[in-house]
């Protein structure tokens, strides 16, 4: 019989293998990084031409609320335009497509692109633009991936999961 050590480190079982075809955390992170780079390649020049950077510099780094809302809407519109085709065709963003993973509903079917954009992505984008609260909720959203079913907050809200192709 083994004695319990009250000074020992805590132990927790993480069920990585229990869900078969689920995409790995590293694959999902890699896809998110690829998607972010793609969005930055489009948005940074657009923000430069659109005057965002000049406005931020003139205001001491703080963008007026109305302008911040406008650029948040532009950012989501650009995301939707860039990712529409792969989301519609296979339930994937470009990053997920490159890494061989895809978004499915809880029955394994590809969700409609409108549902993905309006229920899975838009709430996260909108909340992420709220000062302080957005950062905290964004962190909680992604940290939920350490649950046994590897579903982030946006997956729970949208009723989706990310799986490997095939």
Foldseek 3Di string as FASTA:
>chain_A
DDDDDPPDDDDDDQQPPPPPFFDDLVLVVQLVVVLVVVLCVPVVVVCVVVCVVVQCVVVVNDHDPVVLVVSLVVSLVVSCVQQVVVCQPFQGGVSCVVSQKHKAAPVRHRDHSVLCSPQQPVVLSVLCSDPPRNVVLNVQQCVCCSHNQRHGPSCVRSRMGMGGHD
